[in-house]
Amino acid sequence: SNFIEHRLENFRLHGFPIDKIISSGYDKDNFNNNPKRKIIEDLNPVVFVDDLRRNFNNIQHVHTKLIFIDHEREDDPNQHDNIYYDAKYGSLLEFVKDFLKTKQHGENIKWSQRPSHLIPFI
């Protein structure tokens, strides 16, 4: 709870006009369960950015762009190779700068072709 308040304050200090932070832990009983999945599928945000590939696991049927921040240290690449994301960046700042370059945010980003089983039904 204290962590969430500090994160919210930090975002606001950097000019983000946000009202709340949504935080999810991890499933201590099932490491492969992705607690962020339901949150992302319910919110259907424009982008979801994370630095752990496993946090993209099983997110389906949303138009949300999944952005992996690759610090080249957290995930075992052999363990999570099959987990899809739309774009990869070396840092959050690198992604934000790229995303905000144009009025139509993200239009110049080279997005991956999403596998058909992850595409939302219209």
N, C-alpha and C. Protein backbone atom coordinates (compact mmCIF):
# COMPACT_ATOMS: atom_id res chain seq x y z
N SER A 1 0.83 -1.19 0.00
CA SER A 1 0.00 0.00 0.00
C SER A 1 0.88 1.25 0.00
N ASN A 2 1.89 1.29 0.84
CA ASN A 2 2.81 2.42 0.89
C ASN A 2 3.55 2.57 -0.44
N PHE A 3 3.90 1.43 -1.03
CA PHE A 3 4.58 1.41 -2.32
C PHE A 3 3.72 2.07 -3.40
N ILE A 4 2.42 1.77 -3.40
CA ILE A 4 1.50 2.34 -4.39
C ILE A 4 1.42 3.85 -4.24
N GLU A 5 1.33 4.32 -3.00
CA GLU A 5 1.26 5.76 -2.75
C GLU A 5 2.52 6.47 -3.24
N HIS A 6 3.68 5.88 -3.01
CA HIS A 6 4.94 6.47 -3.47
C HIS A 6 5.02 6.49 -5.00
N ARG A 7 4.56 5.42 -5.62
CA ARG A 7 4.57 5.35 -7.08
C ARG A 7 3.65 6.42 -7.67
N LEU A 8 2.45 6.57 -7.09
CA LEU A 8 1.51 7.59 -7.56
C LEU A 8 2.11 8.99 -7.43
N GLU A 9 2.72 9.25 -6.29
CA GLU A 9 3.36 10.55 -6.07
C GLU A 9 4.47 10.80 -7.09
N ASN A 10 5.27 9.78 -7.38
CA ASN A 10 6.35 9.89 -8.34
C ASN A 10 5.83 10.21 -9.74
N PHE A 11 4.78 9.52 -10.16
CA PHE A 11 4.19 9.79 -11.47
C PHE A 11 3.67 11.22 -11.54
N ARG A 12 2.99 11.67 -10.50
CA ARG A 12 2.45 13.03 -10.48
C ARG A 12 3.57 14.08 -10.51
N LEU A 13 4.66 13.82 -9.78
CA LEU A 13 5.80 14.74 -9.78
C LEU A 13 6.42 14.87 -11.17
N HIS A 14 6.26 13.83 -11.98
CA HIS A 14 6.79 13.85 -13.35
C HIS A 14 5.75 14.30 -14.37
N GLY A 15 4.63 14.85 -13.88
CA GLY A 15 3.66 15.45 -14.78
C GLY A 15 2.56 14.56 -15.31
N PHE A 16 2.48 13.32 -14.84
CA PHE A 16 1.41 12.44 -15.30
C PHE A 16 0.12 12.76 -14.54
N PRO A 17 -0.95 13.11 -15.24
CA PRO A 17 -2.22 13.46 -14.58
C PRO A 17 -3.05 12.21 -14.28
N ILE A 18 -2.59 11.41 -13.33
CA ILE A 18 -3.30 10.16 -13.03
C ILE A 18 -3.89 10.21 -11.64
N ASP A 19 -4.97 9.44 -11.47
CA ASP A 19 -5.70 9.43 -10.20
C ASP A 19 -5.38 8.24 -9.32
N LYS A 20 -4.96 7.13 -9.94
CA LYS A 20 -4.68 5.96 -9.11
C LYS A 20 -3.70 5.03 -9.80
N ILE A 21 -3.09 4.21 -8.98
CA ILE A 21 -2.18 3.16 -9.42
C ILE A 21 -2.86 1.84 -9.10
N ILE A 22 -2.83 0.92 -10.04
CA ILE A 22 -3.36 -0.42 -9.79
C ILE A 22 -2.15 -1.34 -9.68
N SER A 23 -2.10 -2.06 -8.60
CA SER A 23 -0.96 -2.94 -8.36
C SER A 23 -1.46 -4.37 -8.17
N SER A 24 -0.69 -5.30 -8.68
CA SER A 24 -1.01 -6.70 -8.44
C SER A 24 0.28 -7.38 -7.99
N GLY A 25 0.14 -8.28 -7.10
CA GLY A 25 1.29 -9.05 -6.65
C GLY A 25 1.52 -10.18 -7.62
N TYR A 26 1.95 -11.27 -7.11
CA TYR A 26 2.09 -12.47 -7.91
C TYR A 26 1.44 -13.61 -7.15
N ASP A 27 1.08 -14.65 -7.86
CA ASP A 27 0.41 -15.80 -7.27
C ASP A 27 1.46 -16.69 -6.61
N LYS A 28 1.50 -16.68 -5.30
CA LYS A 28 2.51 -17.46 -4.57
C LYS A 28 2.30 -18.96 -4.73
N ASP A 29 1.05 -19.36 -5.01
CA ASP A 29 0.73 -20.78 -5.14
C ASP A 29 0.94 -21.30 -6.56
N ASN A 30 0.85 -20.41 -7.55
CA ASN A 30 0.99 -20.82 -8.94
C ASN A 30 1.81 -19.78 -9.68
N PHE A 31 3.10 -20.01 -9.81
CA PHE A 31 4.02 -19.07 -10.44
C PHE A 31 3.62 -18.73 -11.87
N ASN A 32 2.98 -19.68 -12.57
CA ASN A 32 2.59 -19.46 -13.97
C ASN A 32 1.30 -18.66 -14.13
N ASN A 33 0.57 -18.45 -13.04
CA ASN A 33 -0.64 -17.64 -13.11
C ASN A 33 -0.25 -16.17 -13.23
N ASN A 34 -0.89 -15.46 -14.13
CA ASN A 34 -0.58 -14.05 -14.36
C ASN A 34 -1.68 -13.18 -13.76
N PRO A 35 -1.48 -12.61 -12.56
CA PRO A 35 -2.52 -11.78 -11.94
C PRO A 35 -2.77 -10.47 -12.69
N LYS A 36 -1.86 -10.07 -13.56
CA LYS A 36 -2.05 -8.83 -14.33
C LYS A 36 -3.01 -9.04 -15.50
N ARG A 37 -3.20 -10.28 -15.90
CA ARG A 37 -4.05 -10.59 -17.05
C ARG A 37 -5.46 -10.02 -16.90
N LYS A 38 -6.12 -10.32 -15.81
CA LYS A 38 -7.50 -9.86 -15.61
C LYS A 38 -7.57 -8.33 -15.59
N ILE A 39 -6.61 -7.70 -14.93
CA ILE A 39 -6.59 -6.23 -14.86
C ILE A 39 -6.49 -5.64 -16.27
N ILE A 40 -5.57 -6.14 -17.09
CA ILE A 40 -5.38 -5.63 -18.44
C ILE A 40 -6.59 -5.92 -19.31
N GLU A 41 -7.14 -7.12 -19.21
CA GLU A 41 -8.31 -7.46 -20.01
C GLU A 41 -9.53 -6.63 -19.60
N ASP A 42 -9.66 -6.31 -18.31
CA ASP A 42 -10.78 -5.48 -17.84
C ASP A 42 -10.62 -4.01 -18.26
N LEU A 43 -9.40 -3.48 -18.12
CA LEU A 43 -9.16 -2.06 -18.43
C LEU A 43 -9.02 -1.79 -19.93
N ASN A 44 -8.45 -2.75 -20.66
CA ASN A 44 -8.17 -2.61 -22.09
C ASN A 44 -7.45 -1.28 -22.39
N PRO A 45 -6.29 -1.04 -21.74
CA PRO A 45 -5.57 0.22 -21.95
C PRO A 45 -4.93 0.27 -23.34
N VAL A 46 -4.47 1.44 -23.74
CA VAL A 46 -3.79 1.60 -25.03
C VAL A 46 -2.50 0.79 -25.03
N VAL A 47 -1.72 0.91 -23.95
CA VAL A 47 -0.48 0.14 -23.83
C VAL A 47 -0.37 -0.44 -22.42
N PHE A 48 0.34 -1.55 -22.34
CA PHE A 48 0.72 -2.14 -21.07
C PHE A 48 2.22 -2.38 -21.17
N VAL A 49 2.97 -1.76 -20.26
CA VAL A 49 4.43 -1.84 -20.27
C VAL A 49 4.89 -2.60 -19.04
N ASP A 50 5.78 -3.56 -19.24
CA ASP A 50 6.31 -4.31 -18.11
C ASP A 50 7.72 -4.79 -18.44
N ASP A 51 8.50 -5.08 -17.41
CA ASP A 51 9.86 -5.55 -17.63
C ASP A 51 10.02 -7.03 -17.34
N LEU A 52 8.91 -7.74 -17.14
CA LEU A 52 8.96 -9.19 -17.00
C LEU A 52 8.07 -9.81 -18.07
N ARG A 53 8.66 -10.63 -18.91
CA ARG A 53 7.89 -11.26 -19.99
C ARG A 53 6.73 -12.08 -19.47
N ARG A 54 6.90 -12.72 -18.34
CA ARG A 54 5.83 -13.57 -17.82
C ARG A 54 4.56 -12.77 -17.52
N ASN A 55 4.68 -11.46 -17.32
CA ASN A 55 3.50 -10.64 -17.04
C ASN A 55 2.65 -10.36 -18.27
N PHE A 56 3.08 -10.82 -19.45
CA PHE A 56 2.27 -10.75 -20.66
C PHE A 56 1.57 -12.08 -20.93
N ASN A 57 1.88 -13.09 -20.13
CA ASN A 57 1.37 -14.43 -20.34
C ASN A 57 -0.16 -14.47 -20.35
N ASN A 58 -0.72 -15.06 -21.39
CA ASN A 58 -2.15 -15.31 -21.53
C ASN A 58 -3.02 -14.07 -21.63
N ILE A 59 -2.46 -12.89 -21.86
CA ILE A 59 -3.30 -11.70 -22.09
C ILE A 59 -3.80 -11.81 -23.52
N GLN A 60 -5.12 -11.90 -23.67
CA GLN A 60 -5.72 -12.13 -24.99
C GLN A 60 -6.94 -11.25 -25.18
N HIS A 61 -7.35 -11.14 -26.43
CA HIS A 61 -8.61 -10.50 -26.80
C HIS A 61 -8.70 -9.04 -26.37
N VAL A 62 -7.57 -8.33 -26.41
CA VAL A 62 -7.55 -6.89 -26.16
C VAL A 62 -6.73 -6.24 -27.27
N HIS A 63 -7.01 -4.98 -27.54
CA HIS A 63 -6.23 -4.24 -28.54
C HIS A 63 -5.02 -3.57 -27.90
N THR A 64 -4.82 -3.77 -26.62
CA THR A 64 -3.71 -3.19 -25.88
C THR A 64 -2.37 -3.59 -26.51
N LYS A 65 -1.49 -2.61 -26.71
CA LYS A 65 -0.14 -2.91 -27.17
C LYS A 65 0.69 -3.33 -25.96
N LEU A 66 1.35 -4.47 -26.08
CA LEU A 66 2.15 -5.02 -24.99
C LEU A 66 3.61 -4.65 -25.23
N ILE A 67 4.18 -3.87 -24.32
CA ILE A 67 5.54 -3.35 -24.48
C ILE A 67 6.45 -3.99 -23.43
N PHE A 68 7.47 -4.69 -23.90
CA PHE A 68 8.43 -5.35 -23.02
C PHE A 68 9.66 -4.46 -22.87
N ILE A 69 9.97 -4.08 -21.63
CA ILE A 69 11.19 -3.34 -21.33
C ILE A 69 12.25 -4.38 -20.97
N ASP A 70 13.21 -4.57 -21.86
CA ASP A 70 14.20 -5.63 -21.72
C ASP A 70 15.46 -5.10 -21.05
N HIS A 71 15.57 -5.37 -19.77
CA HIS A 71 16.78 -4.99 -19.04
C HIS A 71 17.86 -6.05 -19.20
N GLU A 72 17.53 -7.13 -19.91
CA GLU A 72 18.44 -8.24 -20.16
C GLU A 72 18.98 -8.84 -18.87
N ARG A 73 18.09 -8.96 -17.90
CA ARG A 73 18.55 -9.54 -16.64
C ARG A 73 17.48 -10.30 -15.87
N GLU A 74 16.21 -9.94 -16.03
CA GLU A 74 15.17 -10.48 -15.16
C GLU A 74 14.68 -11.87 -15.55
N ASP A 75 14.21 -12.00 -16.78
CA ASP A 75 13.61 -13.26 -17.21
C ASP A 75 14.65 -14.21 -17.76
N ASP A 76 14.41 -15.49 -17.56
CA ASP A 76 15.18 -16.52 -18.24
C ASP A 76 14.59 -16.64 -19.64
N PRO A 77 15.33 -16.24 -20.69
CA PRO A 77 14.75 -16.22 -22.04
C PRO A 77 14.26 -17.58 -22.51
N ASN A 78 14.87 -18.65 -22.05
CA ASN A 78 14.44 -19.98 -22.46
C ASN A 78 13.10 -20.36 -21.82
N GLN A 79 12.80 -19.76 -20.69
CA GLN A 79 11.57 -20.10 -19.98
C GLN A 79 10.36 -19.36 -20.55
N HIS A 80 10.55 -18.18 -21.13
CA HIS A 80 9.42 -17.35 -21.55
C HIS A 80 9.46 -16.97 -23.03
N ASP A 81 10.16 -17.76 -23.86
CA ASP A 81 10.26 -17.46 -25.29
C ASP A 81 8.91 -17.43 -25.99
N ASN A 82 7.97 -18.24 -25.53
CA ASN A 82 6.68 -18.35 -26.20
C ASN A 82 5.68 -17.27 -25.80
N ILE A 83 6.07 -16.35 -24.95
CA ILE A 83 5.16 -15.29 -24.50
C ILE A 83 5.29 -14.10 -25.44
N TYR A 84 4.15 -13.67 -25.99
CA TYR A 84 4.12 -12.63 -27.01
C TYR A 84 4.11 -11.23 -26.41
N TYR A 85 4.80 -10.30 -27.07
CA TYR A 85 4.69 -8.86 -26.80
C TYR A 85 4.79 -8.16 -28.15
N ASP A 86 4.26 -6.92 -28.23
CA ASP A 86 4.20 -6.20 -29.50
C ASP A 86 5.49 -5.46 -29.85
N ALA A 87 6.20 -4.98 -28.85
CA ALA A 87 7.44 -4.24 -29.10
C ALA A 87 8.35 -4.37 -27.89
N LYS A 88 9.65 -4.21 -28.14
CA LYS A 88 10.64 -4.33 -27.07
C LYS A 88 11.51 -3.08 -27.06
N TYR A 89 11.77 -2.57 -25.87
CA TYR A 89 12.61 -1.38 -25.69
C TYR A 89 13.60 -1.64 -24.56
N GLY A 90 14.69 -0.89 -24.56
CA GLY A 90 15.71 -1.03 -23.53
C GLY A 90 15.36 -0.31 -22.24
N SER A 91 14.42 0.65 -22.31
CA SER A 91 14.02 1.38 -21.11
C SER A 91 12.63 1.97 -21.31
N LEU A 92 11.98 2.29 -20.22
CA LEU A 92 10.68 2.94 -20.28
C LEU A 92 10.80 4.31 -20.96
N LEU A 93 11.86 5.03 -20.64
CA LEU A 93 12.07 6.35 -21.25
C LEU A 93 12.21 6.24 -22.77
N GLU A 94 12.94 5.25 -23.23
CA GLU A 94 13.10 5.04 -24.68
C GLU A 94 11.74 4.81 -25.34
N PHE A 95 10.89 3.98 -24.73
CA PHE A 95 9.56 3.74 -25.28
C PHE A 95 8.71 5.01 -25.28
N VAL A 96 8.68 5.73 -24.16
CA VAL A 96 7.85 6.93 -24.05
C VAL A 96 8.26 7.97 -25.09
N LYS A 97 9.55 8.18 -25.27
CA LYS A 97 10.02 9.14 -26.28
C LYS A 97 9.55 8.73 -27.67
N ASP A 98 9.65 7.44 -27.99
CA ASP A 98 9.22 6.93 -29.28
C ASP A 98 7.70 7.07 -29.44
N PHE A 99 6.97 6.73 -28.40
CA PHE A 99 5.50 6.76 -28.43
C PHE A 99 4.97 8.18 -28.61
N LEU A 100 5.63 9.16 -28.00
CA LEU A 100 5.13 10.53 -28.02
C LEU A 100 5.68 11.38 -29.18
N LYS A 101 6.44 10.78 -30.08
CA LYS A 101 7.04 11.52 -31.20
C LYS A 101 6.01 12.19 -32.11
N THR A 102 4.86 11.57 -32.27
CA THR A 102 3.87 12.07 -33.23
C THR A 102 2.54 12.35 -32.53
N LYS A 103 1.69 13.12 -33.20
CA LYS A 103 0.37 13.42 -32.63
C LYS A 103 -0.46 12.16 -32.46
N GLN A 104 -0.36 11.25 -33.42
CA GLN A 104 -1.03 9.95 -33.31
C GLN A 104 -0.06 9.02 -32.60
N HIS A 105 -0.06 9.09 -31.29
CA HIS A 105 0.94 8.39 -30.47
C HIS A 105 1.16 6.95 -30.94
N GLY A 106 2.42 6.64 -31.18
CA GLY A 106 2.82 5.29 -31.53
C GLY A 106 2.73 4.95 -33.00
N GLU A 107 2.33 5.90 -33.85
CA GLU A 107 2.12 5.57 -35.26
C GLU A 107 3.42 5.22 -35.99
N ASN A 108 4.57 5.67 -35.51
CA ASN A 108 5.84 5.37 -36.17
C ASN A 108 6.53 4.14 -35.60
N ILE A 109 5.94 3.52 -34.60
CA ILE A 109 6.53 2.32 -34.01
C ILE A 109 6.28 1.13 -34.92
N LYS A 110 7.28 0.33 -35.11
CA LYS A 110 7.15 -0.89 -35.91
C LYS A 110 6.61 -2.00 -35.01
N TRP A 111 5.28 -2.16 -35.04
CA TRP A 111 4.63 -3.16 -34.20
C TRP A 111 4.76 -4.54 -34.83
N SER A 112 4.93 -5.55 -34.00
CA SER A 112 4.98 -6.93 -34.48
C SER A 112 3.61 -7.35 -34.98
N GLN A 113 3.59 -8.38 -35.82
CA GLN A 113 2.32 -8.96 -36.26
C GLN A 113 1.83 -9.89 -35.15
N ARG A 114 0.68 -9.57 -34.59
CA ARG A 114 0.14 -10.32 -33.47
C ARG A 114 -0.40 -11.67 -33.94
N PRO A 115 -0.10 -12.76 -33.23
CA PRO A 115 -0.66 -14.07 -33.59
C PRO A 115 -2.19 -14.03 -33.56
N SER A 116 -2.82 -14.75 -34.47
CA SER A 116 -4.28 -14.69 -34.62
C SER A 116 -5.03 -15.07 -33.35
N HIS A 117 -4.49 -15.98 -32.54
CA HIS A 117 -5.21 -16.38 -31.32
C HIS A 117 -5.23 -15.27 -30.27
N LEU A 118 -4.44 -14.22 -30.45
CA LEU A 118 -4.43 -13.11 -29.50
C LEU A 118 -5.24 -11.91 -29.99
N ILE A 119 -5.73 -11.96 -31.22
CA ILE A 119 -6.47 -10.83 -31.79
C ILE A 119 -7.90 -10.85 -31.28
N PRO A 120 -8.39 -9.70 -30.80
CA PRO A 120 -9.77 -9.64 -30.30
C PRO A 120 -10.77 -9.86 -31.43
N PHE A 121 -11.88 -10.48 -31.07
CA PHE A 121 -12.96 -10.65 -32.04
C PHE A 121 -13.75 -9.35 -32.09
N ILE A 122 -14.11 -8.93 -33.28
CA ILE A 122 -14.85 -7.67 -33.43
C ILE A 122 -16.32 -7.94 -33.62
